[in-house]
Amino acid sequence: MNNQHFPVIVELDENGVFIVSCPSFPACHSFGATLDEAMKNIREVIEMCLEEQAEEPYSRNIFVGVRDIEVAAHA
């Protein structure tokens, strides 16, 4: 089996918890108290998504990239 690479978005919430998401799969999210823990957890979720996809194939999202947009802040 060949290894596959997936994009992962990492955020840090107001409580210092790392939130990770893989945009290649719907509802593919996890978290961890450390970045290493969060990455371990999202790897497990991605593996579950791949197993589910093998059982019931569906189209996977294609990650295009991240863009920055400027929005006026309200005081």
N, C-alpha and C. Protein backbone atom coordinates (compact mmCIF):
# COMPACT_ATOMS: atom_id res chain seq x y z
N MET A 1 0.84 -1.18 0.00
CA MET A 1 0.00 0.00 0.00
C MET A 1 0.89 1.24 0.00
N ASN A 2 0.53 2.22 -0.82
CA ASN A 2 1.26 3.48 -0.88
C ASN A 2 0.75 4.44 0.18
N ASN A 3 1.67 5.21 0.75
CA ASN A 3 1.25 6.24 1.69
C ASN A 3 0.59 7.37 0.93
N GLN A 4 -0.40 7.97 1.54
CA GLN A 4 -1.10 9.11 0.95
C GLN A 4 -0.87 10.32 1.84
N HIS A 5 -0.89 11.48 1.25
CA HIS A 5 -0.71 12.73 2.00
C HIS A 5 -2.02 13.51 1.96
N PHE A 6 -2.38 14.09 3.10
CA PHE A 6 -3.60 14.87 3.21
C PHE A 6 -3.30 16.19 3.90
N PRO A 7 -3.95 17.26 3.45
CA PRO A 7 -3.75 18.55 4.13
C PRO A 7 -4.47 18.54 5.48
N VAL A 8 -3.88 19.21 6.45
CA VAL A 8 -4.48 19.32 7.77
C VAL A 8 -4.41 20.79 8.20
N ILE A 9 -5.52 21.30 8.66
CA ILE A 9 -5.59 22.67 9.18
C ILE A 9 -5.50 22.60 10.69
N VAL A 10 -4.63 23.41 11.27
CA VAL A 10 -4.41 23.40 12.72
C VAL A 10 -4.81 24.76 13.28
N GLU A 11 -5.63 24.75 14.32
CA GLU A 11 -6.03 25.97 15.01
C GLU A 11 -5.78 25.79 16.50
N LEU A 12 -5.65 26.89 17.20
CA LEU A 12 -5.49 26.87 18.65
C LEU A 12 -6.67 27.63 19.24
N ASP A 13 -7.49 26.96 20.06
CA ASP A 13 -8.67 27.63 20.60
C ASP A 13 -8.32 28.47 21.83
N GLU A 14 -9.33 29.13 22.37
CA GLU A 14 -9.12 30.06 23.48
C GLU A 14 -8.65 29.37 24.76
N ASN A 15 -8.79 28.05 24.83
CA ASN A 15 -8.35 27.29 26.00
C ASN A 15 -7.00 26.61 25.80
N GLY A 16 -6.35 26.89 24.65
CA GLY A 16 -5.05 26.30 24.37
C GLY A 16 -5.12 24.90 23.81
N VAL A 17 -6.30 24.48 23.34
CA VAL A 17 -6.48 23.15 22.75
C VAL A 17 -6.24 23.26 21.24
N PHE A 18 -5.49 22.32 20.70
CA PHE A 18 -5.24 22.28 19.26
C PHE A 18 -6.41 21.58 18.57
N ILE A 19 -7.03 22.27 17.62
CA ILE A 19 -8.14 21.75 16.83
C ILE A 19 -7.58 21.47 15.44
N VAL A 20 -7.77 20.26 14.93
CA VAL A 20 -7.25 19.89 13.62
C VAL A 20 -8.38 19.38 12.73
N SER A 21 -8.29 19.72 11.46
CA SER A 21 -9.31 19.32 10.48
C SER A 21 -8.61 18.90 9.20
N CYS A 22 -9.19 17.91 8.53
CA CYS A 22 -8.71 17.50 7.22
C CYS A 22 -9.82 17.82 6.21
N PRO A 23 -9.62 18.85 5.40
CA PRO A 23 -10.68 19.27 4.47
C PRO A 23 -10.95 18.28 3.34
N SER A 24 -10.18 17.23 3.24
CA SER A 24 -10.41 16.23 2.19
C SER A 24 -11.62 15.35 2.47
N PHE A 25 -12.06 15.33 3.73
CA PHE A 25 -13.19 14.50 4.11
C PHE A 25 -14.20 15.33 4.90
N PRO A 26 -15.50 15.15 4.65
CA PRO A 26 -16.52 15.85 5.42
C PRO A 26 -16.44 15.45 6.90
N ALA A 27 -16.55 16.40 7.78
CA ALA A 27 -16.59 16.16 9.22
C ALA A 27 -15.36 15.42 9.74
N CYS A 28 -14.20 15.71 9.20
CA CYS A 28 -12.96 15.06 9.63
C CYS A 28 -12.21 16.02 10.53
N HIS A 29 -12.49 15.93 11.83
CA HIS A 29 -11.92 16.85 12.81
C HIS A 29 -11.48 16.08 14.04
N SER A 30 -10.53 16.64 14.76
CA SER A 30 -10.12 16.09 16.04
C SER A 30 -9.46 17.19 16.85
N PHE A 31 -8.90 16.84 18.00
CA PHE A 31 -8.25 17.84 18.85
C PHE A 31 -7.23 17.14 19.74
N GLY A 32 -6.45 17.95 20.44
CA GLY A 32 -5.49 17.42 21.40
C GLY A 32 -4.94 18.52 22.27
N ALA A 33 -4.45 18.16 23.44
CA ALA A 33 -3.87 19.12 24.37
C ALA A 33 -2.53 19.63 23.86
N THR A 34 -1.84 18.80 23.05
CA THR A 34 -0.58 19.21 22.41
C THR A 34 -0.73 19.02 20.91
N LEU A 35 0.17 19.64 20.17
CA LEU A 35 0.12 19.48 18.71
C LEU A 35 0.38 18.02 18.33
N ASP A 36 1.32 17.37 19.01
CA ASP A 36 1.60 15.96 18.71
C ASP A 36 0.37 15.09 18.95
N GLU A 37 -0.33 15.32 20.05
CA GLU A 37 -1.54 14.55 20.36
C GLU A 37 -2.62 14.81 19.31
N ALA A 38 -2.79 16.08 18.93
CA ALA A 38 -3.80 16.42 17.92
C ALA A 38 -3.48 15.76 16.58
N MET A 39 -2.20 15.74 16.19
CA MET A 39 -1.81 15.12 14.92
C MET A 39 -2.01 13.61 14.97
N LYS A 40 -1.72 12.99 16.10
CA LYS A 40 -1.95 11.55 16.26
C LYS A 40 -3.45 11.25 16.12
N ASN A 41 -4.27 12.09 16.75
CA ASN A 41 -5.71 11.89 16.72
C ASN A 41 -6.29 12.08 15.32
N ILE A 42 -5.83 13.12 14.59
CA ILE A 42 -6.39 13.34 13.25
C ILE A 42 -5.93 12.24 12.30
N ARG A 43 -4.74 11.68 12.51
CA ARG A 43 -4.29 10.55 11.69
C ARG A 43 -5.27 9.39 11.84
N GLU A 44 -5.69 9.11 13.08
CA GLU A 44 -6.64 8.03 13.33
C GLU A 44 -7.98 8.31 12.66
N VAL A 45 -8.43 9.55 12.71
CA VAL A 45 -9.71 9.92 12.08
C VAL A 45 -9.61 9.77 10.56
N ILE A 46 -8.49 10.21 9.98
CA ILE A 46 -8.30 10.07 8.53
C ILE A 46 -8.29 8.60 8.14
N GLU A 47 -7.63 7.77 8.94
CA GLU A 47 -7.62 6.33 8.66
C GLU A 47 -9.04 5.76 8.69
N MET A 48 -9.87 6.21 9.63
CA MET A 48 -11.26 5.76 9.68
C MET A 48 -12.02 6.23 8.44
N CYS A 49 -11.77 7.46 8.02
CA CYS A 49 -12.43 7.97 6.81
C CYS A 49 -12.04 7.15 5.59
N LEU A 50 -10.76 6.78 5.50
CA LEU A 50 -10.31 5.95 4.38
C LEU A 50 -10.95 4.57 4.41
N GLU A 51 -11.08 3.99 5.60
CA GLU A 51 -11.74 2.69 5.72
C GLU A 51 -13.20 2.78 5.29
N GLU A 52 -13.86 3.84 5.73
CA GLU A 52 -15.27 4.04 5.37
C GLU A 52 -15.40 4.25 3.87
N GLN A 53 -14.48 4.99 3.29
CA GLN A 53 -14.52 5.24 1.86
C GLN A 53 -14.34 3.94 1.08
N ALA A 54 -13.50 3.03 1.58
CA ALA A 54 -13.29 1.75 0.90
C ALA A 54 -14.57 0.91 0.91
N GLU A 55 -15.34 1.03 2.00
CA GLU A 55 -16.58 0.26 2.12
C GLU A 55 -17.70 0.89 1.30
N GLU A 56 -17.79 2.19 1.33
CA GLU A 56 -18.83 2.92 0.60
C GLU A 56 -18.18 4.11 -0.10
N PRO A 57 -17.68 3.89 -1.31
CA PRO A 57 -16.97 4.97 -2.01
C PRO A 57 -17.85 6.20 -2.24
N TYR A 58 -17.26 7.33 -2.00
CA TYR A 58 -17.90 8.61 -2.29
C TYR A 58 -16.80 9.55 -2.75
N SER A 59 -17.20 10.61 -3.36
CA SER A 59 -16.19 11.54 -3.86
C SER A 59 -15.55 12.29 -2.69
N ARG A 60 -14.27 12.41 -2.77
CA ARG A 60 -13.49 13.11 -1.75
C ARG A 60 -13.31 14.56 -2.18
N ASN A 61 -13.34 15.48 -1.23
CA ASN A 61 -13.05 16.87 -1.53
C ASN A 61 -11.60 17.00 -1.96
N ILE A 62 -11.33 17.93 -2.86
CA ILE A 62 -9.96 18.20 -3.28
C ILE A 62 -9.54 19.52 -2.66
N PHE A 63 -8.52 19.46 -1.82
CA PHE A 63 -8.03 20.66 -1.15
C PHE A 63 -7.34 21.55 -2.17
N VAL A 64 -7.76 22.80 -2.24
CA VAL A 64 -7.22 23.75 -3.20
C VAL A 64 -6.19 24.66 -2.55
N GLY A 65 -6.44 25.12 -1.35
CA GLY A 65 -5.50 26.00 -0.68
C GLY A 65 -6.20 26.87 0.34
N VAL A 66 -5.44 27.75 0.93
CA VAL A 66 -5.94 28.68 1.93
C VAL A 66 -5.74 30.08 1.42
N ARG A 67 -6.73 30.91 1.56
CA ARG A 67 -6.65 32.31 1.14
C ARG A 67 -6.92 33.21 2.32
N ASP A 68 -6.45 34.41 2.26
CA ASP A 68 -6.66 35.42 3.29
C ASP A 68 -7.59 36.48 2.72
N ILE A 69 -8.58 36.87 3.49
CA ILE A 69 -9.51 37.90 3.05
C ILE A 69 -9.61 38.98 4.12
N GLU A 70 -9.64 40.22 3.71
CA GLU A 70 -9.73 41.34 4.65
C GLU A 70 -11.18 41.75 4.82
N VAL A 71 -11.60 41.89 6.07
CA VAL A 71 -12.97 42.28 6.39
C VAL A 71 -12.89 43.40 7.42
N ALA A 72 -13.70 44.41 7.26
CA ALA A 72 -13.69 45.53 8.20
C ALA A 72 -14.20 45.07 9.56
N ALA A 73 -13.45 45.40 10.59
CA ALA A 73 -13.84 45.03 11.96
C ALA A 73 -14.80 46.07 12.51
N HIS A 74 -15.80 45.59 13.24
CA HIS A 74 -16.76 46.49 13.87
C HIS A 74 -16.34 46.72 15.31
N ALA A 75 -16.33 47.96 15.71
CA ALA A 75 -15.88 48.30 17.07
C ALA A 75 -16.93 48.01 18.11
